[in-house]
Amino acid sequence: MELENIAQSLKRIPMFANLGLANLKLLAFASEVKTYDDLETVFESGERADSAYLIVSGAADVIVADGDRRAKVNQLKKDEIFGEMALFLSAGRSASIVASGPLVVLKLEGSMFLKMVSENPKAAFGVMTALSEKILGANEQILKSA
């Protein structure tokens, strides 16, 4: 995937939509395209966070565990970002992410991601909006399963 194409992919994401092309290319330069097979794990709950991910194609399941119990709590699709929460919290991953079919992601280097967000108020607002939407989605899931 070329730098220009990656930058254009990032531009479609609401949290990055207001970034200039130079910043998008910088973020793209510090990124890596990764592919996963069906049921392959992207990362496990508790792992140290060093990156965020953008789904380029395919879908991924969000899995939480409590002892021996594992539950799928969400499915992420194209143009969704995941893994960013642990970067902001400087904590381990709160859930596992598993490919649901063939999956292509853009692995966004964590320090560059945080730099873009901290230096660009519009990107920061986009991240806050995205995280708020995730909380609302989680609340809806809880109500459905109650």
N, C-alpha and C. Protein backbone atom coordinates (compact mmCIF):
# COMPACT_ATOMS: atom_id res chain seq x y z
N MET A 1 0.85 -1.18 0.00
CA MET A 1 0.00 0.00 0.00
C MET A 1 0.89 1.23 0.00
N GLU A 2 0.69 2.14 -0.94
CA GLU A 2 1.51 3.33 -1.06
C GLU A 2 1.16 4.36 0.00
N LEU A 3 2.13 5.21 0.31
CA LEU A 3 1.96 6.26 1.31
C LEU A 3 0.74 7.13 1.01
N GLU A 4 0.58 7.51 -0.23
CA GLU A 4 -0.55 8.36 -0.63
C GLU A 4 -1.88 7.65 -0.38
N ASN A 5 -1.95 6.35 -0.71
CA ASN A 5 -3.18 5.59 -0.49
C ASN A 5 -3.49 5.45 0.99
N ILE A 6 -2.45 5.22 1.79
CA ILE A 6 -2.65 5.11 3.24
C ILE A 6 -3.15 6.45 3.79
N ALA A 7 -2.55 7.54 3.35
CA ALA A 7 -2.98 8.87 3.80
C ALA A 7 -4.44 9.11 3.44
N GLN A 8 -4.85 8.70 2.25
CA GLN A 8 -6.25 8.87 1.83
C GLN A 8 -7.18 7.99 2.68
N SER A 9 -6.73 6.80 3.03
CA SER A 9 -7.52 5.93 3.92
C SER A 9 -7.71 6.59 5.28
N LEU A 10 -6.65 7.18 5.79
CA LEU A 10 -6.73 7.86 7.08
C LEU A 10 -7.66 9.07 7.01
N LYS A 11 -7.67 9.76 5.89
CA LYS A 11 -8.51 10.96 5.70
C LYS A 11 -10.00 10.62 5.83
N ARG A 12 -10.38 9.37 5.49
CA ARG A 12 -11.79 8.95 5.58
C ARG A 12 -12.24 8.72 7.02
N ILE A 13 -11.30 8.63 7.94
CA ILE A 13 -11.63 8.38 9.34
C ILE A 13 -11.96 9.71 10.00
N PRO A 14 -13.15 9.83 10.62
CA PRO A 14 -13.56 11.12 11.19
C PRO A 14 -12.52 11.78 12.09
N MET A 15 -11.82 10.99 12.91
CA MET A 15 -10.87 11.62 13.83
C MET A 15 -9.66 12.23 13.11
N PHE A 16 -9.41 11.80 11.87
CA PHE A 16 -8.28 12.34 11.10
C PHE A 16 -8.72 13.21 9.92
N ALA A 17 -10.00 13.36 9.72
CA ALA A 17 -10.52 14.04 8.53
C ALA A 17 -10.02 15.48 8.39
N ASN A 18 -9.75 16.14 9.50
CA ASN A 18 -9.33 17.54 9.45
C ASN A 18 -7.82 17.74 9.46
N LEU A 19 -7.07 16.64 9.46
CA LEU A 19 -5.61 16.76 9.41
C LEU A 19 -5.18 17.09 7.99
N GLY A 20 -4.14 17.87 7.87
CA GLY A 20 -3.58 18.20 6.57
C GLY A 20 -2.87 17.00 5.96
N LEU A 21 -2.66 17.04 4.66
CA LEU A 21 -2.05 15.93 3.95
C LEU A 21 -0.65 15.62 4.50
N ALA A 22 0.12 16.64 4.87
CA ALA A 22 1.47 16.41 5.40
C ALA A 22 1.42 15.58 6.69
N ASN A 23 0.49 15.91 7.59
CA ASN A 23 0.35 15.14 8.83
C ASN A 23 -0.14 13.73 8.56
N LEU A 24 -1.06 13.59 7.61
CA LEU A 24 -1.57 12.26 7.27
C LEU A 24 -0.45 11.40 6.69
N LYS A 25 0.39 11.99 5.86
CA LYS A 25 1.51 11.23 5.29
C LYS A 25 2.52 10.85 6.36
N LEU A 26 2.74 11.73 7.32
CA LEU A 26 3.64 11.42 8.43
C LEU A 26 3.11 10.24 9.24
N LEU A 27 1.83 10.27 9.52
CA LEU A 27 1.21 9.16 10.24
C LEU A 27 1.26 7.88 9.42
N ALA A 28 1.02 8.01 8.13
CA ALA A 28 1.09 6.85 7.22
C ALA A 28 2.50 6.27 7.18
N PHE A 29 3.50 7.15 7.16
CA PHE A 29 4.90 6.71 7.12
C PHE A 29 5.27 5.89 8.35
N ALA A 30 4.65 6.24 9.49
CA ALA A 30 4.94 5.55 10.75
C ALA A 30 3.97 4.37 10.97
N SER A 31 3.38 3.89 9.89
CA SER A 31 2.40 2.81 9.97
C SER A 31 2.87 1.59 9.18
N GLU A 32 2.20 0.49 9.42
CA GLU A 32 2.56 -0.76 8.75
C GLU A 32 1.28 -1.52 8.40
N VAL A 33 1.18 -2.01 7.18
CA VAL A 33 0.05 -2.83 6.77
C VAL A 33 0.29 -4.25 7.26
N LYS A 34 -0.72 -4.83 7.93
CA LYS A 34 -0.61 -6.20 8.44
C LYS A 34 -1.84 -6.98 8.00
N THR A 35 -1.65 -8.25 7.72
CA THR A 35 -2.76 -9.11 7.33
C THR A 35 -2.90 -10.26 8.33
N TYR A 36 -4.14 -10.67 8.54
CA TYR A 36 -4.45 -11.76 9.46
C TYR A 36 -5.44 -12.71 8.80
N ASP A 37 -5.29 -13.99 9.09
CA ASP A 37 -6.21 -15.00 8.62
C ASP A 37 -7.40 -15.10 9.58
N ASP A 38 -8.45 -15.76 9.13
CA ASP A 38 -9.62 -15.99 9.95
C ASP A 38 -9.22 -16.61 11.30
N LEU A 39 -9.75 -16.04 12.36
CA LEU A 39 -9.53 -16.48 13.75
C LEU A 39 -8.12 -16.22 14.28
N GLU A 40 -7.29 -15.53 13.51
CA GLU A 40 -5.96 -15.17 14.00
C GLU A 40 -6.08 -13.98 14.95
N THR A 41 -5.31 -14.03 16.03
CA THR A 41 -5.37 -12.98 17.04
C THR A 41 -4.48 -11.81 16.65
N VAL A 42 -5.05 -10.59 16.71
CA VAL A 42 -4.30 -9.37 16.47
C VAL A 42 -3.53 -9.00 17.74
N PHE A 43 -4.23 -8.99 18.86
CA PHE A 43 -3.58 -8.86 20.17
C PHE A 43 -4.49 -9.44 21.25
N GLU A 44 -3.87 -9.75 22.38
CA GLU A 44 -4.58 -10.37 23.50
C GLU A 44 -4.82 -9.34 24.61
N SER A 45 -5.89 -9.54 25.33
CA SER A 45 -6.18 -8.72 26.50
C SER A 45 -4.99 -8.76 27.45
N GLY A 46 -4.64 -7.61 28.00
CA GLY A 46 -3.54 -7.52 28.95
C GLY A 46 -2.19 -7.20 28.33
N GLU A 47 -2.05 -7.40 27.01
CA GLU A 47 -0.78 -7.08 26.35
C GLU A 47 -0.50 -5.58 26.43
N ARG A 48 0.78 -5.24 26.47
CA ARG A 48 1.19 -3.83 26.46
C ARG A 48 0.80 -3.20 25.12
N ALA A 49 0.29 -1.99 25.18
CA ALA A 49 -0.15 -1.30 23.97
C ALA A 49 0.98 -0.45 23.39
N ASP A 50 1.29 -0.67 22.11
CA ASP A 50 2.29 0.15 21.44
C ASP A 50 1.77 0.72 20.13
N SER A 51 0.47 0.48 19.85
CA SER A 51 -0.08 0.92 18.57
C SER A 51 -1.60 0.92 18.61
N ALA A 52 -2.16 1.63 17.64
CA ALA A 52 -3.59 1.59 17.36
C ALA A 52 -3.72 0.98 15.97
N TYR A 53 -4.90 0.53 15.61
CA TYR A 53 -5.11 -0.15 14.34
C TYR A 53 -6.31 0.42 13.61
N LEU A 54 -6.21 0.47 12.30
CA LEU A 54 -7.31 0.89 11.43
C LEU A 54 -7.63 -0.29 10.52
N ILE A 55 -8.90 -0.69 10.46
CA ILE A 55 -9.29 -1.79 9.58
C ILE A 55 -9.39 -1.27 8.15
N VAL A 56 -8.57 -1.83 7.27
CA VAL A 56 -8.57 -1.49 5.85
C VAL A 56 -9.60 -2.34 5.12
N SER A 57 -9.65 -3.63 5.45
CA SER A 57 -10.68 -4.51 4.90
C SER A 57 -10.90 -5.68 5.84
N GLY A 58 -12.12 -6.21 5.81
CA GLY A 58 -12.46 -7.32 6.67
C GLY A 58 -13.14 -6.87 7.95
N ALA A 59 -13.17 -7.76 8.92
CA ALA A 59 -13.82 -7.49 10.20
C ALA A 59 -13.03 -8.19 11.31
N ALA A 60 -13.21 -7.69 12.52
CA ALA A 60 -12.53 -8.27 13.68
C ALA A 60 -13.48 -8.29 14.86
N ASP A 61 -13.40 -9.35 15.65
CA ASP A 61 -14.24 -9.48 16.84
C ASP A 61 -13.50 -8.98 18.07
N VAL A 62 -14.25 -8.30 18.93
CA VAL A 62 -13.73 -7.84 20.22
C VAL A 62 -14.16 -8.87 21.25
N ILE A 63 -13.18 -9.48 21.91
CA ILE A 63 -13.43 -10.57 22.86
C ILE A 63 -12.96 -10.16 24.24
N VAL A 64 -13.84 -10.27 25.22
CA VAL A 64 -13.45 -10.04 26.62
C VAL A 64 -13.49 -11.37 27.35
N ALA A 65 -12.67 -11.48 28.37
CA ALA A 65 -12.58 -12.73 29.12
C ALA A 65 -12.65 -12.46 30.61
N ASP A 66 -13.21 -13.43 31.31
CA ASP A 66 -13.27 -13.41 32.76
C ASP A 66 -13.01 -14.85 33.21
N GLY A 67 -11.77 -15.11 33.57
CA GLY A 67 -11.41 -16.49 33.91
C GLY A 67 -11.49 -17.36 32.66
N ASP A 68 -12.28 -18.41 32.73
CA ASP A 68 -12.43 -19.32 31.59
C ASP A 68 -13.50 -18.86 30.61
N ARG A 69 -14.28 -17.88 30.98
CA ARG A 69 -15.35 -17.40 30.10
C ARG A 69 -14.84 -16.36 29.14
N ARG A 70 -15.21 -16.53 27.86
CA ARG A 70 -14.87 -15.55 26.81
C ARG A 70 -16.16 -15.16 26.12
N ALA A 71 -16.30 -13.86 25.82
CA ALA A 71 -17.51 -13.40 25.15
C ALA A 71 -17.16 -12.38 24.08
N LYS A 72 -17.80 -12.52 22.94
CA LYS A 72 -17.69 -11.53 21.87
C LYS A 72 -18.62 -10.38 22.22
N VAL A 73 -18.06 -9.19 22.34
CA VAL A 73 -18.88 -8.04 22.74
C VAL A 73 -19.11 -7.05 21.60
N ASN A 74 -18.37 -7.21 20.51
CA ASN A 74 -18.55 -6.29 19.39
C ASN A 74 -17.84 -6.85 18.17
N GLN A 75 -18.24 -6.36 17.01
CA GLN A 75 -17.51 -6.67 15.79
C GLN A 75 -17.16 -5.35 15.11
N LEU A 76 -15.89 -5.20 14.76
CA LEU A 76 -15.39 -3.99 14.12
C LEU A 76 -15.27 -4.23 12.62
N LYS A 77 -15.52 -3.16 11.84
CA LYS A 77 -15.50 -3.30 10.38
C LYS A 77 -14.60 -2.24 9.76
N LYS A 78 -14.58 -2.25 8.44
CA LYS A 78 -13.74 -1.34 7.65
C LYS A 78 -13.85 0.11 8.15
N ASP A 79 -12.69 0.76 8.19
CA ASP A 79 -12.55 2.16 8.60
C ASP A 79 -12.76 2.41 10.10
N GLU A 80 -12.82 1.35 10.89
CA GLU A 80 -12.91 1.53 12.34
C GLU A 80 -11.52 1.41 12.95
N ILE A 81 -11.29 2.21 13.98
CA ILE A 81 -10.01 2.18 14.70
C ILE A 81 -10.21 1.43 16.00
N PHE A 82 -9.21 0.65 16.38
CA PHE A 82 -9.25 -0.03 17.67
C PHE A 82 -7.86 -0.03 18.28
N GLY A 83 -7.81 -0.25 19.59
CA GLY A 83 -6.54 -0.31 20.29
C GLY A 83 -6.04 1.02 20.82
N GLU A 84 -6.77 2.09 20.53
CA GLU A 84 -6.31 3.42 20.93
C GLU A 84 -6.52 3.68 22.42
N MET A 85 -7.54 3.06 23.03
CA MET A 85 -7.81 3.32 24.45
C MET A 85 -6.61 3.01 25.32
N ALA A 86 -5.98 1.87 25.09
CA ALA A 86 -4.84 1.48 25.92
C ALA A 86 -3.66 2.44 25.75
N LEU A 87 -3.55 3.07 24.57
CA LEU A 87 -2.48 4.06 24.38
C LEU A 87 -2.69 5.26 25.29
N PHE A 88 -3.94 5.72 25.38
CA PHE A 88 -4.23 6.88 26.22
C PHE A 88 -4.10 6.56 27.70
N LEU A 89 -4.41 5.34 28.07
CA LEU A 89 -4.36 4.95 29.47
C LEU A 89 -3.00 4.43 29.91
N SER A 90 -2.08 4.25 28.95
CA SER A 90 -0.79 3.62 29.25
C SER A 90 -1.01 2.34 30.04
N ALA A 91 -1.96 1.55 29.56
CA ALA A 91 -2.34 0.32 30.24
C ALA A 91 -2.30 -0.83 29.26
N GLY A 92 -2.50 -2.02 29.79
CA GLY A 92 -2.60 -3.19 28.93
C GLY A 92 -3.91 -3.15 28.15
N ARG A 93 -3.99 -3.96 27.13
CA ARG A 93 -5.20 -4.05 26.30
C ARG A 93 -6.37 -4.51 27.16
N SER A 94 -7.54 -3.92 26.95
CA SER A 94 -8.72 -4.26 27.74
C SER A 94 -9.50 -5.42 27.15
N ALA A 95 -9.20 -5.80 25.92
CA ALA A 95 -9.89 -6.90 25.24
C ALA A 95 -8.94 -7.52 24.23
N SER A 96 -9.32 -8.70 23.76
CA SER A 96 -8.58 -9.34 22.67
C SER A 96 -9.28 -9.01 21.36
N ILE A 97 -8.52 -8.94 20.28
CA ILE A 97 -9.07 -8.71 18.95
C ILE A 97 -8.70 -9.90 18.08
N VAL A 98 -9.72 -10.50 17.45
CA VAL A 98 -9.53 -11.70 16.64
C VAL A 98 -10.15 -11.47 15.27
N ALA A 99 -9.41 -11.82 14.23
CA ALA A 99 -9.91 -11.66 12.86
C ALA A 99 -11.16 -12.52 12.65
N SER A 100 -12.14 -11.92 12.00
CA SER A 100 -13.37 -12.62 11.64
C SER A 100 -13.37 -12.73 10.12
N GLY A 101 -12.64 -13.70 9.61
CA GLY A 101 -12.39 -13.80 8.18
C GLY A 101 -11.07 -13.11 7.87
N PRO A 102 -10.69 -13.04 6.60
CA PRO A 102 -9.45 -12.35 6.24
C PRO A 102 -9.51 -10.88 6.68
N LEU A 103 -8.42 -10.40 7.25
CA LEU A 103 -8.38 -9.06 7.82
C LEU A 103 -7.11 -8.35 7.39
N VAL A 104 -7.26 -7.09 6.95
CA VAL A 104 -6.11 -6.24 6.64
C VAL A 104 -6.26 -4.99 7.50
N VAL A 105 -5.20 -4.68 8.25
CA VAL A 105 -5.21 -3.51 9.12
C VAL A 105 -3.99 -2.63 8.85
N LEU A 106 -4.12 -1.41 9.24
CA LEU A 106 -3.00 -0.48 9.24
C LEU A 106 -2.62 -0.31 10.70
N LYS A 107 -1.42 -0.76 11.05
CA LYS A 107 -0.93 -0.64 12.42
C LYS A 107 -0.29 0.73 12.57
N LEU A 108 -0.92 1.58 13.39
CA LEU A 108 -0.47 2.96 13.58
C LEU A 108 0.46 3.01 14.79
N GLU A 109 1.69 3.40 14.58
CA GLU A 109 2.68 3.47 15.65
C GLU A 109 2.16 4.39 16.77
N GLY A 110 2.17 3.88 17.99
CA GLY A 110 1.54 4.54 19.12
C GLY A 110 2.01 5.95 19.42
N SER A 111 3.32 6.17 19.48
CA SER A 111 3.80 7.51 19.83
C SER A 111 3.45 8.53 18.75
N MET A 112 3.46 8.12 17.48
CA MET A 112 3.07 9.03 16.41
C MET A 112 1.57 9.33 16.46
N PHE A 113 0.78 8.31 16.74
CA PHE A 113 -0.66 8.49 16.90
C PHE A 113 -0.95 9.50 18.01
N LEU A 114 -0.31 9.32 19.16
CA LEU A 114 -0.52 10.24 20.28
C LEU A 114 -0.02 11.64 19.97
N LYS A 115 1.09 11.75 19.23
CA LYS A 115 1.62 13.06 18.83
C LYS A 115 0.61 13.79 17.94
N MET A 116 0.04 13.08 16.97
CA MET A 116 -0.94 13.69 16.06
C MET A 116 -2.15 14.20 16.84
N VAL A 117 -2.60 13.39 17.78
CA VAL A 117 -3.78 13.76 18.56
C VAL A 117 -3.47 14.94 19.49
N SER A 118 -2.31 14.90 20.14
CA SER A 118 -1.99 15.97 21.10
C SER A 118 -1.67 17.30 20.43
N GLU A 119 -1.19 17.27 19.20
CA GLU A 119 -0.83 18.51 18.51
C GLU A 119 -1.92 19.04 17.59
N ASN A 120 -3.02 18.32 17.45
CA ASN A 120 -4.09 18.73 16.55
C ASN A 120 -5.43 18.65 17.27
N PRO A 121 -5.94 19.81 17.72
CA PRO A 121 -7.20 19.82 18.47
C PRO A 121 -8.36 19.15 17.73
N LYS A 122 -8.41 19.29 16.42
CA LYS A 122 -9.52 18.66 15.67
C LYS A 122 -9.39 17.13 15.71
N ALA A 123 -8.18 16.63 15.65
CA ALA A 123 -7.97 15.20 15.77
C ALA A 123 -8.33 14.74 17.18
N ALA A 124 -7.95 15.53 18.19
CA ALA A 124 -8.28 15.19 19.57
C ALA A 124 -9.79 15.13 19.76
N PHE A 125 -10.50 16.09 19.17
CA PHE A 125 -11.96 16.09 19.26
C PHE A 125 -12.52 14.85 18.57
N GLY A 126 -11.94 14.48 17.44
CA GLY A 126 -12.37 13.27 16.73
C GLY A 126 -12.18 12.02 17.57
N VAL A 127 -11.06 11.95 18.30
CA VAL A 127 -10.80 10.80 19.18
C VAL A 127 -11.82 10.78 20.31
N MET A 128 -12.11 11.94 20.90
CA MET A 128 -13.10 12.00 21.98
C MET A 128 -14.47 11.55 21.48
N THR A 129 -14.81 11.98 20.29
CA THR A 129 -16.09 11.57 19.70
C THR A 129 -16.13 10.06 19.48
N ALA A 130 -15.06 9.52 18.92
CA ALA A 130 -15.01 8.08 18.66
C ALA A 130 -15.08 7.28 19.95
N LEU A 131 -14.36 7.71 20.98
CA LEU A 131 -14.40 7.00 22.25
C LEU A 131 -15.77 7.11 22.90
N SER A 132 -16.41 8.26 22.78
CA SER A 132 -17.77 8.43 23.31
C SER A 132 -18.74 7.49 22.61
N GLU A 133 -18.59 7.35 21.30
CA GLU A 133 -19.44 6.43 20.55
C GLU A 133 -19.21 4.98 20.99
N LYS A 134 -17.97 4.64 21.30
CA LYS A 134 -17.68 3.29 21.79
C LYS A 134 -18.37 3.04 23.13
N ILE A 135 -18.36 4.04 24.00
CA ILE A 135 -19.02 3.90 25.30
C ILE A 135 -20.52 3.73 25.12
N LEU A 136 -21.12 4.53 24.24
CA LEU A 136 -22.55 4.39 23.97
C LEU A 136 -22.86 3.00 23.41
N GLY A 137 -22.03 2.51 22.50
CA GLY A 137 -22.22 1.18 21.94
C GLY A 137 -22.13 0.11 23.00
N ALA A 138 -21.17 0.25 23.91
CA ALA A 138 -21.01 -0.72 24.99
C ALA A 138 -22.23 -0.69 25.91
N ASN A 139 -22.75 0.51 26.18
CA ASN A 139 -23.95 0.62 27.00
C ASN A 139 -25.13 -0.10 26.35
N GLU A 140 -25.27 0.07 25.04
CA GLU A 140 -26.36 -0.59 24.32
C GLU A 140 -26.21 -2.11 24.40
N GLN A 141 -24.98 -2.60 24.25
CA GLN A 141 -24.72 -4.03 24.35
C GLN A 141 -25.11 -4.57 25.74
N ILE A 142 -24.78 -3.81 26.77
CA ILE A 142 -25.10 -4.21 28.14
C ILE A 142 -26.61 -4.29 28.31
N LEU A 143 -27.32 -3.29 27.81
CA LEU A 143 -28.78 -3.28 27.94
C LEU A 143 -29.42 -4.44 27.18
N LYS A 144 -28.87 -4.77 26.01
CA LYS A 144 -29.42 -5.89 25.22
C LYS A 144 -29.24 -7.23 25.93
N SER A 145 -28.12 -7.37 26.65
CA SER A 145 -27.85 -8.65 27.28
C SER A 145 -28.41 -8.74 28.70
N ALA A 146 -28.97 -7.64 29.20
CA ALA A 146 -29.51 -7.64 30.58
C ALA A 146 -30.90 -8.25 30.62
